[in-house]
Amino acid sequence: MSSEPKTYTLLRSDREKGIKLLFELYAKKLLNYAAYNWKTEQDAAWDLIYKTIYKVADVINEYEFENEEKFASFIFKIFINYLRNHVRDAKTAMQGNLEVELNDNIINNYSDVAKQTKVTPALKILQHELDKLEDWQRILLLMRSQNMAYSEIVKYVNKPEDQLKTYYARLKKQLSEKVNEQLNALTPKENV
C-alpha cells in the first residue's frame, strides 16, 4: 500500500494541495469525458471542470468515502450534474430567449448566411461588428469556431499562445454584448 494520503484526506487537511492534486488527477479525464460523451466545447468544459473541483473542495467535509474509487465516482457525479445543467441551460437559451448567444457556428458561417436573401437583424448586426474587428481577432474567432487548437491558431496571429484563450473568451463576450445591445434597441420599435 502507498504511504501517500488519499486524495480526499489531503483535500481536507490542505485545501490548496488537494485542489492541485484533483486537477492533476481528474482534469484531463473530465475534459475528455465532456468532449467525447457530451460533445461539449472545450472552453465550456473547462469552466465546468473548475466548478466541479471547487465544489468538491467546498463540500468535502460533508461526506465520507470508503476508498479512492468511491471518491472518484463522487467527482464524476458532480461533473455530470454540471454537464446536465449546462445542456439544459443551453436548450433553454435557444428556445425563444431574446439574447443571442454567439455560438461558433454563427461566427464561422456568418458571411455565407449574410449572402442569403433573407438576413435577420441579428446577422446584419453580427456581420457589422465582425467587420469592425482587427484581422487577428476575426482569424481567432473563425479558427476557434472550427475547433482549431490554439497551438495552430498562433501561427496565423501575432499573439502569445497562452493568451489566445483569454482573447477568445473576451471577444465572444464583447461581440455577444454588442449584438444584444443593438438587438434590444431594435426590439421596442418593432413591437410598436
N, C-alpha and C. Protein backbone atom coordinates (compact mmCIF):
# COMPACT_ATOMS: atom_id res chain seq x y z
N MET A 1 0.83 -1.20 0.00
CA MET A 1 0.00 0.00 0.00
C MET A 1 0.86 1.26 0.00
N SER A 2 0.37 2.26 -0.64
CA SER A 2 1.10 3.53 -0.74
C SER A 2 1.01 4.30 0.57
N SER A 3 2.08 5.02 0.90
CA SER A 3 2.08 5.82 2.12
C SER A 3 1.51 7.21 1.86
N GLU A 4 1.23 7.52 0.59
CA GLU A 4 0.65 8.82 0.25
C GLU A 4 -0.77 8.90 0.80
N PRO A 5 -1.15 10.09 1.28
CA PRO A 5 -2.51 10.22 1.79
C PRO A 5 -3.52 10.13 0.64
N LYS A 6 -4.71 9.68 0.96
CA LYS A 6 -5.78 9.60 -0.03
C LYS A 6 -6.11 11.03 -0.47
N THR A 7 -6.59 11.15 -1.70
CA THR A 7 -6.89 12.47 -2.27
C THR A 7 -7.86 13.24 -1.40
N TYR A 8 -8.93 12.58 -0.97
CA TYR A 8 -9.93 13.28 -0.17
C TYR A 8 -9.40 13.63 1.21
N THR A 9 -8.47 12.84 1.73
CA THR A 9 -7.86 13.16 3.03
C THR A 9 -6.95 14.39 2.88
N LEU A 10 -6.17 14.42 1.81
CA LEU A 10 -5.30 15.56 1.55
C LEU A 10 -6.13 16.83 1.34
N LEU A 11 -7.23 16.71 0.62
CA LEU A 11 -8.10 17.86 0.37
C LEU A 11 -8.65 18.43 1.67
N ARG A 12 -8.97 17.55 2.61
CA ARG A 12 -9.49 18.00 3.91
C ARG A 12 -8.40 18.68 4.74
N SER A 13 -7.18 18.16 4.67
CA SER A 13 -6.11 18.68 5.53
C SER A 13 -5.40 19.90 4.91
N ASP A 14 -5.29 19.92 3.59
CA ASP A 14 -4.61 21.03 2.93
C ASP A 14 -5.36 21.33 1.62
N ARG A 15 -6.30 22.24 1.70
CA ARG A 15 -7.19 22.53 0.57
C ARG A 15 -6.41 22.85 -0.71
N GLU A 16 -5.40 23.70 -0.61
CA GLU A 16 -4.65 24.12 -1.79
C GLU A 16 -3.95 22.94 -2.47
N LYS A 17 -3.25 22.13 -1.70
CA LYS A 17 -2.57 20.95 -2.26
C LYS A 17 -3.59 19.95 -2.79
N GLY A 18 -4.70 19.82 -2.09
CA GLY A 18 -5.74 18.89 -2.51
C GLY A 18 -6.36 19.29 -3.84
N ILE A 19 -6.62 20.58 -4.02
CA ILE A 19 -7.18 21.08 -5.28
C ILE A 19 -6.18 20.86 -6.41
N LYS A 20 -4.92 21.13 -6.15
CA LYS A 20 -3.88 20.92 -7.16
C LYS A 20 -3.84 19.45 -7.57
N LEU A 21 -3.91 18.55 -6.60
CA LEU A 21 -3.90 17.12 -6.89
C LEU A 21 -5.15 16.70 -7.68
N LEU A 22 -6.29 17.26 -7.32
CA LEU A 22 -7.52 16.96 -8.07
C LEU A 22 -7.38 17.35 -9.53
N PHE A 23 -6.82 18.52 -9.80
CA PHE A 23 -6.60 18.96 -11.17
C PHE A 23 -5.68 17.99 -11.91
N GLU A 24 -4.60 17.61 -11.24
CA GLU A 24 -3.64 16.69 -11.88
C GLU A 24 -4.27 15.35 -12.19
N LEU A 25 -5.10 14.84 -11.27
CA LEU A 25 -5.67 13.50 -11.44
C LEU A 25 -6.91 13.47 -12.33
N TYR A 26 -7.71 14.52 -12.31
CA TYR A 26 -9.03 14.43 -12.93
C TYR A 26 -9.31 15.38 -14.09
N ALA A 27 -8.58 16.46 -14.23
CA ALA A 27 -8.93 17.48 -15.24
C ALA A 27 -8.97 16.89 -16.66
N LYS A 28 -7.94 16.16 -17.06
CA LYS A 28 -7.92 15.60 -18.42
C LYS A 28 -9.02 14.56 -18.61
N LYS A 29 -9.25 13.75 -17.59
CA LYS A 29 -10.31 12.73 -17.69
C LYS A 29 -11.67 13.39 -17.87
N LEU A 30 -11.93 14.42 -17.08
CA LEU A 30 -13.21 15.12 -17.17
C LEU A 30 -13.34 15.83 -18.52
N LEU A 31 -12.26 16.44 -18.97
CA LEU A 31 -12.28 17.13 -20.26
C LEU A 31 -12.59 16.16 -21.39
N ASN A 32 -11.93 15.02 -21.41
CA ASN A 32 -12.17 14.01 -22.44
C ASN A 32 -13.60 13.49 -22.36
N TYR A 33 -14.07 13.25 -21.17
CA TYR A 33 -15.44 12.76 -20.99
C TYR A 33 -16.45 13.77 -21.54
N ALA A 34 -16.26 15.04 -21.23
CA ALA A 34 -17.18 16.09 -21.71
C ALA A 34 -17.11 16.20 -23.23
N ALA A 35 -15.92 16.12 -23.80
CA ALA A 35 -15.76 16.27 -25.24
C ALA A 35 -16.35 15.10 -26.01
N TYR A 36 -16.05 13.89 -25.60
CA TYR A 36 -16.46 12.72 -26.37
C TYR A 36 -17.88 12.25 -26.05
N ASN A 37 -18.28 12.32 -24.80
CA ASN A 37 -19.61 11.79 -24.44
C ASN A 37 -20.70 12.84 -24.52
N TRP A 38 -20.35 14.10 -24.31
CA TRP A 38 -21.36 15.15 -24.28
C TRP A 38 -21.17 16.19 -25.39
N LYS A 39 -20.12 16.04 -26.17
CA LYS A 39 -19.83 16.97 -27.28
C LYS A 39 -19.79 18.42 -26.80
N THR A 40 -19.21 18.64 -25.63
CA THR A 40 -19.14 19.97 -25.03
C THR A 40 -17.93 20.71 -25.58
N GLU A 41 -18.10 22.00 -25.85
CA GLU A 41 -16.97 22.82 -26.30
C GLU A 41 -15.90 22.85 -25.22
N GLN A 42 -14.67 22.98 -25.65
CA GLN A 42 -13.55 22.93 -24.71
C GLN A 42 -13.62 24.02 -23.65
N ASP A 43 -13.94 25.24 -24.04
CA ASP A 43 -14.00 26.33 -23.07
C ASP A 43 -15.08 26.09 -22.03
N ALA A 44 -16.25 25.63 -22.47
CA ALA A 44 -17.33 25.34 -21.54
C ALA A 44 -16.95 24.18 -20.63
N ALA A 45 -16.31 23.17 -21.19
CA ALA A 45 -15.88 22.01 -20.39
C ALA A 45 -14.91 22.44 -19.30
N TRP A 46 -13.96 23.31 -19.64
CA TRP A 46 -13.01 23.78 -18.63
C TRP A 46 -13.73 24.54 -17.52
N ASP A 47 -14.70 25.35 -17.87
CA ASP A 47 -15.46 26.06 -16.84
C ASP A 47 -16.14 25.07 -15.90
N LEU A 48 -16.71 24.01 -16.47
CA LEU A 48 -17.40 23.00 -15.66
C LEU A 48 -16.42 22.21 -14.80
N ILE A 49 -15.23 21.98 -15.32
CA ILE A 49 -14.21 21.26 -14.55
C ILE A 49 -13.80 22.10 -13.33
N TYR A 50 -13.56 23.38 -13.55
CA TYR A 50 -13.21 24.26 -12.42
C TYR A 50 -14.34 24.28 -11.39
N LYS A 51 -15.57 24.42 -11.86
CA LYS A 51 -16.72 24.42 -10.95
C LYS A 51 -16.75 23.14 -10.13
N THR A 52 -16.56 22.02 -10.81
CA THR A 52 -16.63 20.71 -10.15
C THR A 52 -15.56 20.59 -9.07
N ILE A 53 -14.34 20.90 -9.41
CA ILE A 53 -13.24 20.71 -8.45
C ILE A 53 -13.40 21.63 -7.25
N TYR A 54 -13.82 22.87 -7.49
CA TYR A 54 -14.01 23.77 -6.35
C TYR A 54 -15.25 23.39 -5.53
N LYS A 55 -16.25 22.85 -6.18
CA LYS A 55 -17.44 22.38 -5.46
C LYS A 55 -17.05 21.20 -4.55
N VAL A 56 -16.26 20.27 -5.10
CA VAL A 56 -15.80 19.13 -4.30
C VAL A 56 -15.01 19.65 -3.09
N ALA A 57 -14.14 20.62 -3.30
CA ALA A 57 -13.34 21.17 -2.21
C ALA A 57 -14.24 21.84 -1.16
N ASP A 58 -15.32 22.47 -1.61
CA ASP A 58 -16.22 23.15 -0.68
C ASP A 58 -17.04 22.19 0.18
N VAL A 59 -17.41 21.03 -0.38
CA VAL A 59 -18.33 20.12 0.33
C VAL A 59 -17.64 18.87 0.87
N ILE A 60 -16.35 18.76 0.74
CA ILE A 60 -15.62 17.55 1.10
C ILE A 60 -15.87 17.11 2.54
N ASN A 61 -16.01 18.06 3.45
CA ASN A 61 -16.19 17.71 4.86
C ASN A 61 -17.58 17.18 5.19
N GLU A 62 -18.50 17.28 4.25
CA GLU A 62 -19.86 16.79 4.47
C GLU A 62 -20.02 15.31 4.10
N TYR A 63 -18.97 14.69 3.56
CA TYR A 63 -19.08 13.32 3.05
C TYR A 63 -17.95 12.45 3.56
N GLU A 64 -18.23 11.15 3.63
CA GLU A 64 -17.22 10.14 3.96
C GLU A 64 -17.08 9.21 2.78
N PHE A 65 -15.87 8.73 2.52
CA PHE A 65 -15.62 7.85 1.38
C PHE A 65 -14.89 6.60 1.85
N GLU A 66 -15.30 5.47 1.31
CA GLU A 66 -14.67 4.20 1.66
C GLU A 66 -13.28 4.09 1.05
N ASN A 67 -13.14 4.62 -0.17
CA ASN A 67 -11.87 4.47 -0.88
C ASN A 67 -11.80 5.49 -2.01
N GLU A 68 -10.67 5.50 -2.74
CA GLU A 68 -10.46 6.45 -3.84
C GLU A 68 -11.48 6.26 -4.96
N GLU A 69 -11.87 5.01 -5.22
CA GLU A 69 -12.83 4.76 -6.30
C GLU A 69 -14.17 5.42 -6.00
N LYS A 70 -14.61 5.33 -4.75
CA LYS A 70 -15.88 5.97 -4.36
C LYS A 70 -15.75 7.49 -4.47
N PHE A 71 -14.58 8.00 -4.10
CA PHE A 71 -14.34 9.45 -4.21
C PHE A 71 -14.36 9.88 -5.68
N ALA A 72 -13.72 9.09 -6.56
CA ALA A 72 -13.71 9.40 -7.99
C ALA A 72 -15.14 9.40 -8.53
N SER A 73 -15.96 8.45 -8.10
CA SER A 73 -17.36 8.40 -8.53
C SER A 73 -18.11 9.66 -8.09
N PHE A 74 -17.81 10.11 -6.89
CA PHE A 74 -18.41 11.34 -6.35
C PHE A 74 -18.07 12.53 -7.25
N ILE A 75 -16.81 12.65 -7.64
CA ILE A 75 -16.37 13.74 -8.51
C ILE A 75 -17.10 13.68 -9.85
N PHE A 76 -17.14 12.49 -10.45
CA PHE A 76 -17.81 12.36 -11.74
C PHE A 76 -19.31 12.64 -11.63
N LYS A 77 -19.91 12.27 -10.51
CA LYS A 77 -21.34 12.54 -10.33
C LYS A 77 -21.60 14.05 -10.32
N ILE A 78 -20.78 14.80 -9.60
CA ILE A 78 -20.92 16.26 -9.57
C ILE A 78 -20.70 16.84 -10.97
N PHE A 79 -19.67 16.35 -11.66
CA PHE A 79 -19.36 16.84 -13.00
C PHE A 79 -20.52 16.57 -13.96
N ILE A 80 -21.08 15.38 -13.90
CA ILE A 80 -22.20 15.03 -14.78
C ILE A 80 -23.40 15.93 -14.49
N ASN A 81 -23.64 16.23 -13.23
CA ASN A 81 -24.74 17.15 -12.89
C ASN A 81 -24.50 18.52 -13.51
N TYR A 82 -23.27 19.01 -13.44
CA TYR A 82 -22.96 20.29 -14.07
C TYR A 82 -23.13 20.21 -15.59
N LEU A 83 -22.72 19.09 -16.19
CA LEU A 83 -22.91 18.91 -17.63
C LEU A 83 -24.39 18.93 -18.00
N ARG A 84 -25.20 18.22 -17.23
CA ARG A 84 -26.64 18.19 -17.50
C ARG A 84 -27.24 19.60 -17.40
N ASN A 85 -26.85 20.31 -16.36
CA ASN A 85 -27.35 21.69 -16.20
C ASN A 85 -26.91 22.56 -17.37
N HIS A 86 -25.67 22.38 -17.81
CA HIS A 86 -25.15 23.16 -18.93
C HIS A 86 -25.97 22.89 -20.20
N VAL A 87 -26.24 21.63 -20.47
CA VAL A 87 -27.02 21.26 -21.66
C VAL A 87 -28.44 21.80 -21.54
N ARG A 88 -29.03 21.66 -20.36
CA ARG A 88 -30.39 22.17 -20.14
C ARG A 88 -30.44 23.69 -20.34
N ASP A 89 -29.48 24.39 -19.77
CA ASP A 89 -29.45 25.85 -19.90
C ASP A 89 -29.25 26.27 -21.35
N ALA A 90 -28.43 25.52 -22.09
CA ALA A 90 -28.21 25.84 -23.50
C ALA A 90 -29.49 25.65 -24.30
N LYS A 91 -30.24 24.59 -24.00
CA LYS A 91 -31.51 24.35 -24.69
C LYS A 91 -32.51 25.44 -24.36
N THR A 92 -32.58 25.83 -23.09
CA THR A 92 -33.50 26.88 -22.66
C THR A 92 -33.17 28.19 -23.36
N ALA A 93 -31.89 28.50 -23.46
CA ALA A 93 -31.48 29.75 -24.10
C ALA A 93 -31.87 29.76 -25.57
N MET A 94 -31.85 28.60 -26.20
CA MET A 94 -32.17 28.52 -27.62
C MET A 94 -33.68 28.58 -27.87
N GLN A 95 -34.49 28.34 -26.86
CA GLN A 95 -35.94 28.28 -27.05
C GLN A 95 -36.60 29.62 -26.77
N GLY A 96 -36.35 30.58 -27.62
CA GLY A 96 -37.07 31.83 -27.56
C GLY A 96 -36.49 32.91 -26.69
N ASN A 97 -35.31 32.73 -26.17
CA ASN A 97 -34.69 33.79 -25.39
C ASN A 97 -34.22 34.88 -26.35
N LEU A 98 -34.53 36.13 -26.03
CA LEU A 98 -34.18 37.24 -26.91
C LEU A 98 -32.67 37.41 -27.06
N GLU A 99 -31.94 37.13 -26.00
CA GLU A 99 -30.50 37.29 -26.04
C GLU A 99 -29.89 36.32 -27.05
N VAL A 100 -28.93 36.80 -27.79
CA VAL A 100 -28.26 35.98 -28.79
C VAL A 100 -26.98 35.44 -28.18
N GLU A 101 -26.83 34.14 -28.16
CA GLU A 101 -25.58 33.52 -27.72
C GLU A 101 -24.77 33.30 -28.98
N LEU A 102 -23.60 33.89 -29.04
CA LEU A 102 -22.77 33.76 -30.23
C LEU A 102 -22.12 32.39 -30.23
N ASN A 103 -22.75 31.43 -30.87
CA ASN A 103 -22.09 30.15 -30.93
C ASN A 103 -21.14 30.14 -32.11
N ASP A 104 -20.24 29.20 -32.08
CA ASP A 104 -19.17 29.19 -33.06
C ASP A 104 -19.69 28.98 -34.48
N ASN A 105 -20.79 28.28 -34.63
CA ASN A 105 -21.37 28.06 -35.95
C ASN A 105 -21.79 29.37 -36.60
N ILE A 106 -22.42 30.24 -35.82
CA ILE A 106 -22.86 31.53 -36.35
C ILE A 106 -21.66 32.35 -36.79
N ILE A 107 -20.64 32.41 -35.96
CA ILE A 107 -19.44 33.18 -36.29
C ILE A 107 -18.78 32.60 -37.53
N ASN A 108 -18.66 31.29 -37.58
CA ASN A 108 -17.98 30.62 -38.68
C ASN A 108 -18.70 30.82 -40.01
N ASN A 109 -20.01 30.84 -39.99
CA ASN A 109 -20.77 30.87 -41.24
C ASN A 109 -21.45 32.21 -41.51
N TYR A 110 -21.07 33.25 -40.78
CA TYR A 110 -21.81 34.50 -40.92
C TYR A 110 -21.78 35.05 -42.34
N SER A 111 -20.67 34.93 -43.03
CA SER A 111 -20.61 35.52 -44.37
C SER A 111 -21.47 34.75 -45.35
N ASP A 112 -21.51 33.43 -45.23
CA ASP A 112 -22.38 32.64 -46.11
C ASP A 112 -23.84 32.95 -45.86
N VAL A 113 -24.20 33.03 -44.59
CA VAL A 113 -25.59 33.30 -44.24
C VAL A 113 -25.98 34.71 -44.66
N ALA A 114 -25.06 35.65 -44.50
CA ALA A 114 -25.36 37.04 -44.84
C ALA A 114 -25.64 37.22 -46.32
N LYS A 115 -25.11 36.33 -47.16
CA LYS A 115 -25.33 36.43 -48.60
C LYS A 115 -26.72 35.96 -49.02
N GLN A 116 -27.40 35.26 -48.13
CA GLN A 116 -28.75 34.79 -48.46
C GLN A 116 -29.67 35.99 -48.58
N THR A 117 -30.82 35.79 -49.24
CA THR A 117 -31.72 36.90 -49.50
C THR A 117 -32.39 37.41 -48.22
N LYS A 118 -32.72 36.51 -47.29
CA LYS A 118 -33.41 36.92 -46.07
C LYS A 118 -32.41 36.91 -44.91
N VAL A 119 -31.93 38.08 -44.54
CA VAL A 119 -30.94 38.20 -43.48
C VAL A 119 -31.63 38.82 -42.26
N THR A 120 -31.46 38.18 -41.11
CA THR A 120 -32.09 38.68 -39.89
C THR A 120 -31.32 39.89 -39.37
N PRO A 121 -32.00 40.70 -38.57
CA PRO A 121 -31.28 41.85 -37.98
C PRO A 121 -30.07 41.41 -37.16
N ALA A 122 -30.20 40.28 -36.46
CA ALA A 122 -29.08 39.81 -35.64
C ALA A 122 -27.87 39.50 -36.50
N LEU A 123 -28.07 38.88 -37.65
CA LEU A 123 -26.94 38.56 -38.52
C LEU A 123 -26.34 39.81 -39.15
N LYS A 124 -27.19 40.78 -39.47
CA LYS A 124 -26.66 42.05 -40.00
C LYS A 124 -25.77 42.73 -38.97
N ILE A 125 -26.27 42.76 -37.74
CA ILE A 125 -25.50 43.39 -36.65
C ILE A 125 -24.21 42.62 -36.42
N LEU A 126 -24.29 41.29 -36.40
CA LEU A 126 -23.11 40.46 -36.19
C LEU A 126 -22.08 40.71 -37.29
N GLN A 127 -22.53 40.73 -38.54
CA GLN A 127 -21.61 40.97 -39.65
C GLN A 127 -20.94 42.35 -39.50
N HIS A 128 -21.73 43.34 -39.14
CA HIS A 128 -21.18 44.69 -38.96
C HIS A 128 -20.12 44.70 -37.85
N GLU A 129 -20.43 44.04 -36.73
CA GLU A 129 -19.48 44.01 -35.61
C GLU A 129 -18.22 43.21 -35.96
N LEU A 130 -18.38 42.11 -36.68
CA LEU A 130 -17.21 41.33 -37.09
C LEU A 130 -16.33 42.12 -38.06
N ASP A 131 -16.96 42.91 -38.91
CA ASP A 131 -16.20 43.73 -39.86
C ASP A 131 -15.37 44.79 -39.14
N LYS A 132 -15.80 45.22 -37.96
CA LYS A 132 -15.07 46.23 -37.19
C LYS A 132 -13.81 45.67 -36.53
N LEU A 133 -13.74 44.35 -36.36
CA LEU A 133 -12.62 43.74 -35.65
C LEU A 133 -11.33 43.81 -36.46
N GLU A 134 -10.23 43.72 -35.75
CA GLU A 134 -8.93 43.63 -36.41
C GLU A 134 -8.82 42.24 -37.05
N ASP A 135 -7.95 42.10 -38.03
CA ASP A 135 -7.81 40.82 -38.73
C ASP A 135 -7.50 39.67 -37.78
N TRP A 136 -6.56 39.87 -36.86
CA TRP A 136 -6.17 38.79 -35.97
C TRP A 136 -7.35 38.35 -35.10
N GLN A 137 -8.23 39.30 -34.74
CA GLN A 137 -9.38 38.96 -33.91
C GLN A 137 -10.37 38.10 -34.69
N ARG A 138 -10.62 38.48 -35.95
CA ARG A 138 -11.51 37.68 -36.80
C ARG A 138 -10.93 36.29 -37.03
N ILE A 139 -9.63 36.23 -37.28
CA ILE A 139 -8.97 34.94 -37.51
C ILE A 139 -9.13 34.06 -36.28
N LEU A 140 -8.88 34.61 -35.11
CA LEU A 140 -9.00 33.85 -33.87
C LEU A 140 -10.42 33.32 -33.70
N LEU A 141 -11.42 34.18 -33.87
CA LEU A 141 -12.81 33.76 -33.73
C LEU A 141 -13.19 32.67 -34.73
N LEU A 142 -12.83 32.89 -35.97
CA LEU A 142 -13.22 31.94 -37.02
C LEU A 142 -12.49 30.60 -36.88
N MET A 143 -11.22 30.63 -36.55
CA MET A 143 -10.48 29.38 -36.43
C MET A 143 -10.90 28.60 -35.19
N ARG A 144 -11.16 29.30 -34.08
CA ARG A 144 -11.62 28.60 -32.88
C ARG A 144 -13.01 28.01 -33.10
N SER A 145 -13.83 28.70 -33.90
CA SER A 145 -15.17 28.19 -34.17
C SER A 145 -15.13 26.90 -34.98
N GLN A 146 -13.97 26.65 -35.59
CA GLN A 146 -13.77 25.39 -36.32
C GLN A 146 -13.01 24.38 -35.46
N ASN A 147 -12.98 24.64 -34.15
CA ASN A 147 -12.31 23.78 -33.17
C ASN A 147 -10.82 23.60 -33.44
N MET A 148 -10.21 24.60 -34.04
CA MET A 148 -8.78 24.54 -34.28
C MET A 148 -8.06 24.83 -32.96
N ALA A 149 -7.01 24.12 -32.71
CA ALA A 149 -6.25 24.27 -31.47
C ALA A 149 -5.54 25.62 -31.44
N TYR A 150 -5.39 26.15 -30.24
CA TYR A 150 -4.69 27.43 -30.08
C TYR A 150 -3.26 27.34 -30.61
N SER A 151 -2.64 26.17 -30.49
CA SER A 151 -1.28 25.99 -30.99
C SER A 151 -1.21 26.15 -32.51
N GLU A 152 -2.30 25.86 -33.20
CA GLU A 152 -2.35 26.07 -34.65
C GLU A 152 -2.66 27.54 -34.97
N ILE A 153 -3.57 28.11 -34.21
CA ILE A 153 -4.01 29.49 -34.47
C ILE A 153 -2.85 30.47 -34.30
N VAL A 154 -1.97 30.18 -33.35
CA VAL A 154 -0.86 31.09 -33.06
C VAL A 154 0.02 31.31 -34.30
N LYS A 155 -0.01 30.38 -35.24
CA LYS A 155 0.78 30.52 -36.47
C LYS A 155 0.24 31.64 -37.36
N TYR A 156 -1.04 32.00 -37.16
CA TYR A 156 -1.69 32.98 -38.03
C TYR A 156 -1.89 34.34 -37.37
N VAL A 157 -1.74 34.39 -36.07
CA VAL A 157 -1.90 35.67 -35.37
C VAL A 157 -0.62 35.95 -34.60
N ASN A 158 -0.29 37.19 -34.47
CA ASN A 158 0.96 37.57 -33.80
C ASN A 158 0.67 37.85 -32.32
N LYS A 159 0.20 36.80 -31.62
CA LYS A 159 -0.12 36.92 -30.20
C LYS A 159 0.42 35.69 -29.48
N PRO A 160 0.74 35.82 -28.19
CA PRO A 160 1.25 34.66 -27.44
C PRO A 160 0.17 33.59 -27.27
N GLU A 161 0.54 32.35 -27.46
CA GLU A 161 -0.41 31.23 -27.40
C GLU A 161 -1.14 31.17 -26.06
N ASP A 162 -0.41 31.42 -24.97
CA ASP A 162 -1.04 31.30 -23.65
C ASP A 162 -2.09 32.39 -23.39
N GLN A 163 -2.16 33.39 -24.24
CA GLN A 163 -3.16 34.46 -24.09
C GLN A 163 -4.36 34.29 -25.02
N LEU A 164 -4.26 33.39 -26.00
CA LEU A 164 -5.32 33.27 -27.00
C LEU A 164 -6.66 32.86 -26.41
N LYS A 165 -6.63 31.97 -25.43
CA LYS A 165 -7.89 31.53 -24.81
C LYS A 165 -8.60 32.72 -24.16
N THR A 166 -7.84 33.56 -23.49
CA THR A 166 -8.40 34.75 -22.85
C THR A 166 -8.94 35.71 -23.89
N TYR A 167 -8.15 35.96 -24.94
CA TYR A 167 -8.61 36.85 -26.02
C TYR A 167 -9.90 36.32 -26.63
N TYR A 168 -9.95 35.02 -26.86
CA TYR A 168 -11.12 34.41 -27.49
C TYR A 168 -12.37 34.59 -26.61
N ALA A 169 -12.23 34.30 -25.33
CA ALA A 169 -13.38 34.45 -24.42
C ALA A 169 -13.85 35.90 -24.38
N ARG A 170 -12.91 36.83 -24.31
CA ARG A 170 -13.28 38.26 -24.27
C ARG A 170 -13.96 38.70 -25.56
N LEU A 171 -13.42 38.26 -26.69
CA LEU A 171 -14.02 38.64 -27.98
C LEU A 171 -15.44 38.12 -28.11
N LYS A 172 -15.65 36.86 -27.74
CA LYS A 172 -17.01 36.30 -27.82
C LYS A 172 -17.96 37.07 -26.92
N LYS A 173 -17.49 37.39 -25.72
CA LYS A 173 -18.34 38.12 -24.77
C LYS A 173 -18.65 39.52 -25.31
N GLN A 174 -17.63 40.23 -25.79
CA GLN A 174 -17.84 41.58 -26.31
C GLN A 174 -18.79 41.57 -27.50
N LEU A 175 -18.59 40.63 -28.41
CA LEU A 175 -19.46 40.54 -29.58
C LEU A 175 -20.90 40.27 -29.16
N SER A 176 -21.06 39.34 -28.26
CA SER A 176 -22.39 38.98 -27.78
C SER A 176 -23.08 40.19 -27.14
N GLU A 177 -22.34 40.92 -26.31
CA GLU A 177 -22.91 42.09 -25.65
C GLU A 177 -23.30 43.17 -26.66
N LYS A 178 -22.42 43.41 -27.65
CA LYS A 178 -22.72 44.45 -28.65
C LYS A 178 -23.93 44.07 -29.49
N VAL A 179 -23.99 42.81 -29.91
CA VAL A 179 -25.13 42.36 -30.73
C VAL A 179 -26.42 42.45 -29.91
N ASN A 180 -26.38 41.98 -28.68
CA ASN A 180 -27.58 42.01 -27.83
C ASN A 180 -28.02 43.44 -27.53
N GLU A 181 -27.06 44.30 -27.30
CA GLU A 181 -27.38 45.72 -27.01
C GLU A 181 -28.12 46.34 -28.21
N GLN A 182 -27.59 46.09 -29.39
CA GLN A 182 -28.22 46.65 -30.59
C GLN A 182 -29.56 45.98 -30.89
N LEU A 183 -29.67 44.68 -30.64
CA LEU A 183 -30.94 43.98 -30.85
C LEU A 183 -32.01 44.50 -29.88
N ASN A 184 -31.62 44.68 -28.64
CA ASN A 184 -32.57 45.19 -27.64
C ASN A 184 -33.02 46.59 -27.98
N ALA A 185 -32.15 47.38 -28.60
CA ALA A 185 -32.53 48.73 -29.03
C ALA A 185 -33.54 48.68 -30.17
N LEU A 186 -33.46 47.65 -31.01
CA LEU A 186 -34.39 47.49 -32.13
C LEU A 186 -35.75 46.96 -31.69
N THR A 187 -35.77 46.07 -30.71
CA THR A 187 -36.97 45.33 -30.33
C THR A 187 -38.17 46.21 -30.02
N PRO A 188 -38.08 47.25 -29.17
CA PRO A 188 -39.27 48.04 -28.86
C PRO A 188 -39.89 48.69 -30.09
N LYS A 189 -39.05 49.12 -31.06
CA LYS A 189 -39.57 49.78 -32.26
C LYS A 189 -40.36 48.80 -33.11
N GLU A 190 -39.93 47.54 -33.15
CA GLU A 190 -40.61 46.54 -33.96
C GLU A 190 -41.95 46.15 -33.36
N ASN A 191 -42.08 46.22 -32.03
CA ASN A 191 -43.30 45.79 -31.36
C ASN A 191 -44.37 46.88 -31.36
N VAL A 192 -44.02 48.11 -31.69
CA VAL A 192 -44.96 49.22 -31.65
C VAL A 192 -45.90 49.17 -32.80
